[in-house]
Amino acid sequence: MLKLTQAPNLLFATLWADALTADGIEANVQRQFLSGASGELPLDQCLPEVWIKHASQELRAREMLFHLQHVPQHEWVCQCGELVSGGFGECWSCGTLMPR
């Protein structure tokens, strides 16, 4: 097994591991229950980690992780006049989908 990355929280670690697994890379989350020990242990030792089973898949896993961590952010003006920014694909004011 190979440690791929440390995540800022359990939510991100789980999402990343699930995405890797869905793409055929066996991944799991380690240290998912250590957040309660922060303060007693150094914080960097309590953060969840994403591990992959096969080191031969490391390059593909790191490339996929990079894309998961760097999702393009869009800013657009909806037809209702609302400025929508971030990764939203629809207007939070009227529900109109982002134009392509």
PDB file of N, CA and C in Angstrom:
ATOM      1  N   MET A   1       0.836  -1.177   0.000  1.00  0.00           N
ATOM      2  CA  MET A   1       0.000   0.000   0.000  1.00  0.00           C
ATOM      3  C   MET A   1       0.883   1.243   0.000  1.00  0.00           C
ATOM      4  N   LEU A   2       0.327   2.323  -0.554  1.00  0.00           N
ATOM      5  CA  LEU A   2       1.075   3.562  -0.705  1.00  0.00           C
ATOM      6  C   LEU A   2       0.218   4.740  -0.275  1.00  0.00           C
ATOM      7  N   LYS A   3       0.771   5.592   0.580  1.00  0.00           N
ATOM      8  CA  LYS A   3       0.046   6.794   0.999  1.00  0.00           C
ATOM      9  C   LYS A   3       0.046   7.782  -0.155  1.00  0.00           C
ATOM     10  N   LEU A   4      -1.142   8.172  -0.575  1.00  0.00           N
ATOM     11  CA  LEU A   4      -1.275   9.096  -1.689  1.00  0.00           C
ATOM     12  C   LEU A   4      -1.279  10.544  -1.206  1.00  0.00           C
ATOM     13  N   THR A   5      -2.066  10.828  -0.177  1.00  0.00           N
ATOM     14  CA  THR A   5      -2.157  12.198   0.314  1.00  0.00           C
ATOM     15  C   THR A   5      -2.793  12.255   1.691  1.00  0.00           C
ATOM     16  N   GLN A   6      -2.665  13.394   2.303  1.00  0.00           N
ATOM     17  CA  GLN A   6      -3.340  13.683   3.562  1.00  0.00           C
ATOM     18  C   GLN A   6      -4.447  14.682   3.219  1.00  0.00           C
ATOM     19  N   ALA A   7      -5.616  14.481   3.776  1.00  0.00           N
ATOM     20  CA  ALA A   7      -6.755  15.337   3.467  1.00  0.00           C
ATOM     21  C   ALA A   7      -7.015  16.316   4.612  1.00  0.00           C
ATOM     22  N   PRO A   8      -7.621  17.455   4.308  1.00  0.00           N
ATOM     23  CA  PRO A   8      -7.908  18.421   5.369  1.00  0.00           C
ATOM     24  C   PRO A   8      -9.001  17.967   6.329  1.00  0.00           C
ATOM     25  N   ASN A   9      -9.840  17.037   5.865  1.00  0.00           N
ATOM     26  CA  ASN A   9     -10.903  16.510   6.729  1.00  0.00           C
ATOM     27  C   ASN A   9     -11.412  15.189   6.158  1.00  0.00           C
ATOM     28  N   LEU A  10     -12.261  14.516   6.918  1.00  0.00           N
ATOM     29  CA  LEU A  10     -12.758  13.202   6.527  1.00  0.00           C
ATOM     30  C   LEU A  10     -13.639  13.261   5.285  1.00  0.00           C
ATOM     31  N   LEU A  11     -14.377  14.343   5.114  1.00  0.00           N
ATOM     32  CA  LEU A  11     -15.235  14.485   3.941  1.00  0.00           C
ATOM     33  C   LEU A  11     -14.417  14.420   2.660  1.00  0.00           C
ATOM     34  N   PHE A  12     -13.376  15.238   2.565  1.00  0.00           N
ATOM     35  CA  PHE A  12     -12.544  15.233   1.362  1.00  0.00           C
ATOM     36  C   PHE A  12     -11.857  13.888   1.175  1.00  0.00           C
ATOM     37  N   ALA A  13     -11.321  13.315   2.234  1.00  0.00           N
ATOM     38  CA  ALA A  13     -10.636  12.023   2.121  1.00  0.00           C
ATOM     39  C   ALA A  13     -11.568  10.961   1.565  1.00  0.00           C
ATOM     40  N   THR A  14     -12.793  10.933   2.063  1.00  0.00           N
ATOM     41  CA  THR A  14     -13.767   9.935   1.599  1.00  0.00           C
ATOM     42  C   THR A  14     -14.159  10.175   0.154  1.00  0.00           C
ATOM     43  N   LEU A  15     -14.408  11.435  -0.205  1.00  0.00           N
ATOM     44  CA  LEU A  15     -14.763  11.747  -1.599  1.00  0.00           C
ATOM     45  C   LEU A  15     -13.643  11.362  -2.555  1.00  0.00           C
ATOM     46  N   TRP A  16     -12.405  11.693  -2.184  1.00  0.00           N
ATOM     47  CA  TRP A  16     -11.274  11.367  -3.054  1.00  0.00           C
ATOM     48  C   TRP A  16     -11.095   9.857  -3.175  1.00  0.00           C
ATOM     49  N   ALA A  17     -11.171   9.134  -2.080  1.00  0.00           N
ATOM     50  CA  ALA A  17     -11.004   7.677  -2.115  1.00  0.00           C
ATOM     51  C   ALA A  17     -12.117   7.031  -2.926  1.00  0.00           C
ATOM     52  N   ASP A  18     -13.338   7.513  -2.769  1.00  0.00           N
ATOM     53  CA  ASP A  18     -14.464   6.967  -3.540  1.00  0.00           C
ATOM     54  C   ASP A  18     -14.302   7.233  -5.034  1.00  0.00           C
ATOM     55  N   ALA A  19     -13.842   8.425  -5.387  1.00  0.00           N
ATOM     56  CA  ALA A  19     -13.637   8.750  -6.803  1.00  0.00           C
ATOM     57  C   ALA A  19     -12.541   7.875  -7.409  1.00  0.00           C
ATOM     58  N   LEU A  20     -11.468   7.673  -6.671  1.00  0.00           N
ATOM     59  CA  LEU A  20     -10.386   6.802  -7.161  1.00  0.00           C
ATOM     60  C   LEU A  20     -10.895   5.375  -7.338  1.00  0.00           C
ATOM     61  N   THR A  21     -11.651   4.890  -6.372  1.00  0.00           N
ATOM     62  CA  THR A  21     -12.191   3.531  -6.441  1.00  0.00           C
ATOM     63  C   THR A  21     -13.134   3.382  -7.630  1.00  0.00           C
ATOM     64  N   ALA A  22     -13.958   4.386  -7.871  1.00  0.00           N
ATOM     65  CA  ALA A  22     -14.888   4.342  -9.004  1.00  0.00           C
ATOM     66  C   ALA A  22     -14.143   4.296 -10.332  1.00  0.00           C
ATOM     67  N   ASP A  23     -12.914   4.799 -10.343  1.00  0.00           N
ATOM     68  CA  ASP A  23     -12.098   4.789 -11.565  1.00  0.00           C
ATOM     69  C   ASP A  23     -11.206   3.555 -11.647  1.00  0.00           C
ATOM     70  N   GLY A  24     -11.403   2.602 -10.743  1.00  0.00           N
ATOM     71  CA  GLY A  24     -10.664   1.347 -10.810  1.00  0.00           C
ATOM     72  C   GLY A  24      -9.375   1.312 -10.010  1.00  0.00           C
ATOM     73  N   ILE A  25      -9.147   2.320  -9.179  1.00  0.00           N
ATOM     74  CA  ILE A  25      -7.952   2.366  -8.339  1.00  0.00           C
ATOM     75  C   ILE A  25      -8.387   2.023  -6.913  1.00  0.00           C
ATOM     76  N   GLU A  26      -7.889   0.905  -6.389  1.00  0.00           N
ATOM     77  CA  GLU A  26      -8.269   0.502  -5.034  1.00  0.00           C
ATOM     78  C   GLU A  26      -7.692   1.487  -4.035  1.00  0.00           C
ATOM     79  N   ALA A  27      -8.578   2.226  -3.360  1.00  0.00           N
ATOM     80  CA  ALA A  27      -8.155   3.244  -2.416  1.00  0.00           C
ATOM     81  C   ALA A  27      -8.968   3.129  -1.138  1.00  0.00           C
ATOM     82  N   ASN A  28      -8.366   3.554  -0.039  1.00  0.00           N
ATOM     83  CA  ASN A  28      -9.102   3.590   1.218  1.00  0.00           C
ATOM     84  C   ASN A  28      -8.612   4.750   2.066  1.00  0.00           C
ATOM     85  N   VAL A  29      -9.372   5.038   3.118  1.00  0.00           N
ATOM     86  CA  VAL A  29      -9.051   6.135   4.025  1.00  0.00           C
ATOM     87  C   VAL A  29      -8.487   5.557   5.322  1.00  0.00           C
ATOM     88  N   GLN A  30      -7.371   6.093   5.755  1.00  0.00           N
ATOM     89  CA  GLN A  30      -6.757   5.728   7.022  1.00  0.00           C
ATOM     90  C   GLN A  30      -6.842   6.929   7.964  1.00  0.00           C
ATOM     91  N   ARG A  31      -6.760   6.680   9.248  1.00  0.00           N
ATOM     92  CA  ARG A  31      -6.789   7.717  10.290  1.00  0.00           C
ATOM     93  C   ARG A  31      -8.109   8.482  10.325  1.00  0.00           C
ATOM     94  N   GLN A  32      -9.196   7.842   9.913  1.00  0.00           N
ATOM     95  CA  GLN A  32     -10.471   8.542   9.881  1.00  0.00           C
ATOM     96  C   GLN A  32     -11.046   8.841  11.256  1.00  0.00           C
ATOM     97  N   PHE A  33     -10.572   8.199  12.290  1.00  0.00           N
ATOM     98  CA  PHE A  33     -11.133   8.392  13.629  1.00  0.00           C
ATOM     99  C   PHE A  33     -10.187   9.129  14.581  1.00  0.00           C
ATOM    100  N   LEU A  34      -9.113   9.712  14.071  1.00  0.00           N
ATOM    101  CA  LEU A  34      -8.133  10.363  14.947  1.00  0.00           C
ATOM    102  C   LEU A  34      -8.404  11.846  15.190  1.00  0.00           C
ATOM    103  N   SER A  35      -9.404  12.429  14.560  1.00  0.00           N
ATOM    104  CA  SER A  35      -9.627  13.869  14.730  1.00  0.00           C
ATOM    105  C   SER A  35      -9.894  14.226  16.188  1.00  0.00           C
ATOM    106  N   GLY A  36     -10.507  13.327  16.945  1.00  0.00           N
ATOM    107  CA  GLY A  36     -10.766  13.581  18.354  1.00  0.00           C
ATOM    108  C   GLY A  36      -9.514  13.624  19.202  1.00  0.00           C
ATOM    109  N   ALA A  37      -8.422  13.119  18.665  1.00  0.00           N
ATOM    110  CA  ALA A  37      -7.167  13.107  19.424  1.00  0.00           C
ATOM    111  C   ALA A  37      -6.323  14.348  19.158  1.00  0.00           C
ATOM    112  N   SER A  38      -6.789  15.222  18.246  1.00  0.00           N
ATOM    113  CA  SER A  38      -5.997  16.425  17.969  1.00  0.00           C
ATOM    114  C   SER A  38      -5.921  17.266  19.237  1.00  0.00           C
ATOM    115  N   GLY A  39      -4.746  17.756  19.496  1.00  0.00           N
ATOM    116  CA  GLY A  39      -4.470  18.455  20.750  1.00  0.00           C
ATOM    117  C   GLY A  39      -3.644  17.570  21.658  1.00  0.00           C
ATOM    118  N   GLU A  40      -4.020  16.300  21.721  1.00  0.00           N
ATOM    119  CA  GLU A  40      -3.228  15.320  22.458  1.00  0.00           C
ATOM    120  C   GLU A  40      -2.081  14.824  21.577  1.00  0.00           C
ATOM    121  N   LEU A  41      -2.376  14.742  20.280  1.00  0.00           N
ATOM    122  CA  LEU A  41      -1.371  14.368  19.282  1.00  0.00           C
ATOM    123  C   LEU A  41      -1.206  15.562  18.337  1.00  0.00           C
ATOM    124  N   PRO A  42      -0.065  15.683  17.671  1.00  0.00           N
ATOM    125  CA  PRO A  42       0.098  16.765  16.702  1.00  0.00           C
ATOM    126  C   PRO A  42      -0.974  16.682  15.612  1.00  0.00           C
ATOM    127  N   LEU A  43      -1.477  17.842  15.180  1.00  0.00           N
ATOM    128  CA  LEU A  43      -2.556  17.890  14.193  1.00  0.00           C
ATOM    129  C   LEU A  43      -2.217  17.130  12.921  1.00  0.00           C
ATOM    130  N   ASP A  44      -0.970  17.255  12.439  1.00  0.00           N
ATOM    131  CA  ASP A  44      -0.607  16.581  11.186  1.00  0.00           C
ATOM    132  C   ASP A  44      -0.635  15.061  11.297  1.00  0.00           C
ATOM    133  N   GLN A  45      -0.677  14.530  12.518  1.00  0.00           N
ATOM    134  CA  GLN A  45      -0.786  13.083  12.699  1.00  0.00           C
ATOM    135  C   GLN A  45      -2.229  12.633  12.879  1.00  0.00           C
ATOM    136  N   CYS A  46      -3.152  13.577  12.915  1.00  0.00           N
ATOM    137  CA  CYS A  46      -4.561  13.256  13.137  1.00  0.00           C
ATOM    138  C   CYS A  46      -5.413  13.418  11.889  1.00  0.00           C
ATOM    139  N   LEU A  47      -4.853  13.995  10.835  1.00  0.00           N
ATOM    140  CA  LEU A  47      -5.628  14.210   9.620  1.00  0.00           C
ATOM    141  C   LEU A  47      -5.812  12.894   8.859  1.00  0.00           C
ATOM    142  N   PRO A  48      -6.963  12.704   8.218  1.00  0.00           N
ATOM    143  CA  PRO A  48      -7.184  11.481   7.447  1.00  0.00           C
ATOM    144  C   PRO A  48      -6.261  11.406   6.231  1.00  0.00           C
ATOM    145  N   GLU A  49      -5.946  10.192   5.838  1.00  0.00           N
ATOM    146  CA  GLU A  49      -5.056   9.966   4.699  1.00  0.00           C
ATOM    147  C   GLU A  49      -5.736   9.056   3.681  1.00  0.00           C
ATOM    148  N   VAL A  50      -5.411   9.277   2.418  1.00  0.00           N
ATOM    149  CA  VAL A  50      -5.897   8.416   1.337  1.00  0.00           C
ATOM    150  C   VAL A  50      -4.731   7.545   0.897  1.00  0.00           C
ATOM    151  N   TRP A  51      -4.960   6.243   0.917  1.00  0.00           N
ATOM    152  CA  TRP A  51      -3.955   5.267   0.519  1.00  0.00           C
ATOM    153  C   TRP A  51      -4.472   4.478  -0.677  1.00  0.00           C
ATOM    154  N   ILE A  52      -3.547   4.051  -1.541  1.00  0.00           N
ATOM    155  CA  ILE A  52      -3.916   3.174  -2.651  1.00  0.00           C
ATOM    156  C   ILE A  52      -3.241   1.819  -2.436  1.00  0.00           C
ATOM    157  N   LYS A  53      -3.879   0.799  -2.958  1.00  0.00           N
ATOM    158  CA  LYS A  53      -3.391  -0.568  -2.731  1.00  0.00           C
ATOM    159  C   LYS A  53      -2.189  -0.915  -3.599  1.00  0.00           C
ATOM    160  N   HIS A  54      -2.210  -0.472  -4.851  1.00  0.00           N
ATOM    161  CA  HIS A  54      -1.166  -0.871  -5.800  1.00  0.00           C
ATOM    162  C   HIS A  54      -0.298   0.335  -6.176  1.00  0.00           C
ATOM    163  N   ALA A  55       0.966   0.288  -5.815  1.00  0.00           N
ATOM    164  CA  ALA A  55       1.898   1.376  -6.126  1.00  0.00           C
ATOM    165  C   ALA A  55       2.013   1.601  -7.631  1.00  0.00           C
ATOM    166  N   SER A  56       1.731   0.579  -8.422  1.00  0.00           N
ATOM    167  CA  SER A  56       1.809   0.716  -9.880  1.00  0.00           C
ATOM    168  C   SER A  56       0.759   1.690 -10.422  1.00  0.00           C
ATOM    169  N   GLN A  57      -0.250   2.011  -9.620  1.00  0.00           N
ATOM    170  CA  GLN A  57      -1.303   2.941 -10.040  1.00  0.00           C
ATOM    171  C   GLN A  57      -1.063   4.360  -9.512  1.00  0.00           C
ATOM    172  N   GLU A  58       0.099   4.590  -8.926  1.00  0.00           N
ATOM    173  CA  GLU A  58       0.367   5.882  -8.286  1.00  0.00           C
ATOM    174  C   GLU A  58       0.258   7.058  -9.256  1.00  0.00           C
ATOM    175  N   LEU A  59       0.877   6.976 -10.405  1.00  0.00           N
ATOM    176  CA  LEU A  59       0.873   8.092 -11.358  1.00  0.00           C
ATOM    177  C   LEU A  59      -0.558   8.455 -11.758  1.00  0.00           C
ATOM    178  N   ARG A  60      -1.337   7.455 -12.113  1.00  0.00           N
ATOM    179  CA  ARG A  60      -2.732   7.685 -12.496  1.00  0.00           C
ATOM    180  C   ARG A  60      -3.534   8.262 -11.329  1.00  0.00           C
ATOM    181  N   ALA A  61      -3.301   7.735 -10.132  1.00  0.00           N
ATOM    182  CA  ALA A  61      -4.021   8.211  -8.944  1.00  0.00           C
ATOM    183  C   ALA A  61      -3.653   9.656  -8.633  1.00  0.00           C
ATOM    184  N   ARG A  62      -2.389  10.004  -8.726  1.00  0.00           N
ATOM    185  CA  ARG A  62      -1.966  11.384  -8.439  1.00  0.00           C
ATOM    186  C   ARG A  62      -2.528  12.358  -9.479  1.00  0.00           C
ATOM    187  N   GLU A  63      -2.578  11.934 -10.719  1.00  0.00           N
ATOM    188  CA  GLU A  63      -3.148  12.784 -11.766  1.00  0.00           C
ATOM    189  C   GLU A  63      -4.646  13.012 -11.512  1.00  0.00           C
ATOM    190  N   MET A  64      -5.336  11.953 -11.169  1.00  0.00           N
ATOM    191  CA  MET A  64      -6.761  12.077 -10.882  1.00  0.00           C
ATOM    192  C   MET A  64      -6.993  12.940  -9.646  1.00  0.00           C
ATOM    193  N   LEU A  65      -6.191  12.752  -8.618  1.00  0.00           N
ATOM    194  CA  LEU A  65      -6.307  13.553  -7.401  1.00  0.00           C
ATOM    195  C   LEU A  65      -6.067  15.035  -7.694  1.00  0.00           C
ATOM    196  N   PHE A  66      -5.097  15.336  -8.541  1.00  0.00           N
ATOM    197  CA  PHE A  66      -4.832  16.722  -8.921  1.00  0.00           C
ATOM    198  C   PHE A  66      -6.082  17.343  -9.537  1.00  0.00           C
ATOM    199  N   HIS A  67      -6.733  16.619 -10.437  1.00  0.00           N
ATOM    200  CA  HIS A  67      -7.942  17.147 -11.091  1.00  0.00           C
ATOM    201  C   HIS A  67      -9.095  17.284 -10.098  1.00  0.00           C
ATOM    202  N   LEU A  68      -9.176  16.391  -9.123  1.00  0.00           N
ATOM    203  CA  LEU A  68     -10.217  16.502  -8.098  1.00  0.00           C
ATOM    204  C   LEU A  68      -9.980  17.717  -7.197  1.00  0.00           C
ATOM    205  N   GLN A  69      -8.728  18.044  -6.965  1.00  0.00           N
ATOM    206  CA  GLN A  69      -8.390  19.163  -6.089  1.00  0.00           C
ATOM    207  C   GLN A  69      -8.400  20.510  -6.808  1.00  0.00           C
ATOM    208  N   HIS A  70      -8.395  20.505  -8.124  1.00  0.00           N
ATOM    209  CA  HIS A  70      -8.325  21.748  -8.899  1.00  0.00           C
ATOM    210  C   HIS A  70      -9.479  21.828  -9.902  1.00  0.00           C
ATOM    211  N   VAL A  71     -10.681  21.726  -9.394  1.00  0.00           N
ATOM    212  CA  VAL A  71     -11.871  21.821 -10.243  1.00  0.00           C
ATOM    213  C   VAL A  71     -11.989  23.266 -10.725  1.00  0.00           C
ATOM    214  N   PRO A  72     -12.170  23.464 -12.038  1.00  0.00           N
ATOM    215  CA  PRO A  72     -12.276  24.834 -12.536  1.00  0.00           C
ATOM    216  C   PRO A  72     -13.479  25.558 -11.924  1.00  0.00           C
ATOM    217  N   GLN A  73     -13.266  26.803 -11.572  1.00  0.00           N
ATOM    218  CA  GLN A  73     -14.326  27.630 -11.019  1.00  0.00           C
ATOM    219  C   GLN A  73     -14.819  28.589 -12.111  1.00  0.00           C
ATOM    220  N   HIS A  74     -16.115  28.728 -12.197  1.00  0.00           N
ATOM    221  CA  HIS A  74     -16.702  29.586 -13.226  1.00  0.00           C
ATOM    222  C   HIS A  74     -17.432  30.746 -12.570  1.00  0.00           C
ATOM    223  N   GLU A  75     -17.464  31.861 -13.255  1.00  0.00           N
ATOM    224  CA  GLU A  75     -18.257  32.995 -12.818  1.00  0.00           C
ATOM    225  C   GLU A  75     -19.098  33.422 -14.015  1.00  0.00           C
ATOM    226  N   TRP A  76     -20.393  33.511 -13.818  1.00  0.00           N
ATOM    227  CA  TRP A  76     -21.280  33.860 -14.915  1.00  0.00           C
ATOM    228  C   TRP A  76     -22.478  34.648 -14.395  1.00  0.00           C
ATOM    229  N   VAL A  77     -23.078  35.412 -15.299  1.00  0.00           N
ATOM    230  CA  VAL A  77     -24.258  36.194 -14.952  1.00  0.00           C
ATOM    231  C   VAL A  77     -25.473  35.471 -15.518  1.00  0.00           C
ATOM    232  N   CYS A  78     -26.391  35.148 -14.639  1.00  0.00           N
ATOM    233  CA  CYS A  78     -27.611  34.442 -15.025  1.00  0.00           C
ATOM    234  C   CYS A  78     -28.547  35.387 -15.779  1.00  0.00           C
ATOM    235  N   GLN A  79     -29.481  34.811 -16.496  1.00  0.00           N
ATOM    236  CA  GLN A  79     -30.463  35.615 -17.216  1.00  0.00           C
ATOM    237  C   GLN A  79     -31.336  36.450 -16.276  1.00  0.00           C
ATOM    238  N   CYS A  80     -31.396  36.055 -15.001  1.00  0.00           N
ATOM    239  CA  CYS A  80     -32.166  36.833 -14.013  1.00  0.00           C
ATOM    240  C   CYS A  80     -31.344  37.988 -13.443  1.00  0.00           C
ATOM    241  N   GLY A  81     -30.046  38.080 -13.831  1.00  0.00           N
ATOM    242  CA  GLY A  81     -29.180  39.151 -13.377  1.00  0.00           C
ATOM    243  C   GLY A  81     -28.286  38.797 -12.205  1.00  0.00           C
ATOM    244  N   GLU A  82     -28.442  37.616 -11.643  1.00  0.00           N
ATOM    245  CA  GLU A  82     -27.645  37.191 -10.484  1.00  0.00           C
ATOM    246  C   GLU A  82     -26.235  36.787 -10.931  1.00  0.00           C
ATOM    247  N   LEU A  83     -25.212  37.254 -10.199  1.00  0.00           N
ATOM    248  CA  LEU A  83     -23.833  36.829 -10.448  1.00  0.00           C
ATOM    249  C   LEU A  83     -23.612  35.523  -9.710  1.00  0.00           C
ATOM    250  N   VAL A  84     -23.254  34.477 -10.447  1.00  0.00           N
ATOM    251  CA  VAL A  84     -23.030  33.151  -9.861  1.00  0.00           C
ATOM    252  C   VAL A  84     -21.542  32.847  -9.988  1.00  0.00           C
ATOM    253  N   SER A  85     -20.895  32.562  -8.860  1.00  0.00           N
ATOM    254  CA  SER A  85     -19.467  32.264  -8.896  1.00  0.00           C
ATOM    255  C   SER A  85     -19.196  30.951  -8.180  1.00  0.00           C
ATOM    256  N   GLY A  86     -18.003  30.434  -8.389  1.00  0.00           N
ATOM    257  CA  GLY A  86     -17.637  29.166  -7.780  1.00  0.00           C
ATOM    258  C   GLY A  86     -17.930  28.016  -8.713  1.00  0.00           C
ATOM    259  N   GLY A  87     -18.158  26.862  -8.153  1.00  0.00           N
ATOM    260  CA  GLY A  87     -18.386  25.665  -8.955  1.00  0.00           C
ATOM    261  C   GLY A  87     -19.845  25.365  -9.198  1.00  0.00           C
ATOM    262  N   PHE A  88     -20.714  26.359  -9.041  1.00  0.00           N
ATOM    263  CA  PHE A  88     -22.144  26.117  -9.194  1.00  0.00           C
ATOM    264  C   PHE A  88     -22.538  26.013 -10.659  1.00  0.00           C
ATOM    265  N   GLY A  89     -23.338  25.022 -10.975  1.00  0.00           N
ATOM    266  CA  GLY A  89     -23.807  24.795 -12.342  1.00  0.00           C
ATOM    267  C   GLY A  89     -25.206  25.321 -12.582  1.00  0.00           C
ATOM    268  N   GLU A  90     -25.796  25.895 -11.541  1.00  0.00           N
ATOM    269  CA  GLU A  90     -27.102  26.515 -11.719  1.00  0.00           C
ATOM    270  C   GLU A  90     -27.220  27.719 -10.795  1.00  0.00           C
ATOM    271  N   CYS A  91     -28.084  28.640 -11.167  1.00  0.00           N
ATOM    272  CA  CYS A  91     -28.286  29.866 -10.404  1.00  0.00           C
ATOM    273  C   CYS A  91     -28.999  29.556  -9.099  1.00  0.00           C
ATOM    274  N   TRP A  92     -28.493  30.103  -7.992  1.00  0.00           N
ATOM    275  CA  TRP A  92     -29.124  29.850  -6.703  1.00  0.00           C
ATOM    276  C   TRP A  92     -30.337  30.743  -6.493  1.00  0.00           C
ATOM    277  N   SER A  93     -30.515  31.708  -7.389  1.00  0.00           N
ATOM    278  CA  SER A  93     -31.670  32.608  -7.257  1.00  0.00           C
ATOM    279  C   SER A  93     -32.901  32.058  -7.986  1.00  0.00           C
ATOM    280  N   CYS A  94     -32.685  31.617  -9.245  1.00  0.00           N
ATOM    281  CA  CYS A  94     -33.849  31.167 -10.029  1.00  0.00           C
ATOM    282  C   CYS A  94     -33.766  29.714 -10.487  1.00  0.00           C
ATOM    283  N   GLY A  95     -32.601  29.080 -10.339  1.00  0.00           N
ATOM    284  CA  GLY A  95     -32.468  27.667 -10.712  1.00  0.00           C
ATOM    285  C   GLY A  95     -32.100  27.407 -12.163  1.00  0.00           C
ATOM    286  N   THR A  96     -31.861  28.466 -12.927  1.00  0.00           N
ATOM    287  CA  THR A  96     -31.477  28.298 -14.333  1.00  0.00           C
ATOM    288  C   THR A  96     -30.097  27.657 -14.430  1.00  0.00           C
ATOM    289  N   LEU A  97     -29.928  26.709 -15.359  1.00  0.00           N
ATOM    290  CA  LEU A  97     -28.648  26.042 -15.547  1.00  0.00           C
ATOM    291  C   LEU A  97     -27.638  26.988 -16.188  1.00  0.00           C
ATOM    292  N   MET A  98     -26.365  26.789 -15.841  1.00  0.00           N
ATOM    293  CA  MET A  98     -25.284  27.606 -16.407  1.00  0.00           C
ATOM    294  C   MET A  98     -25.239  27.411 -17.917  1.00  0.00           C
ATOM    295  N   PRO A  99     -25.119  28.505 -18.679  1.00  0.00           N
ATOM    296  CA  PRO A  99     -25.017  28.346 -20.135  1.00  0.00           C
ATOM    297  C   PRO A  99     -23.704  27.677 -20.511  1.00  0.00           C
ATOM    298  N   ARG A 100     -23.709  26.961 -21.585  1.00  0.00           N
ATOM    299  CA  ARG A 100     -22.512  26.253 -22.032  1.00  0.00           C
ATOM    300  C   ARG A 100     -21.697  27.087 -22.950  1.00  0.00           C
TER     301      ARG A 100
END
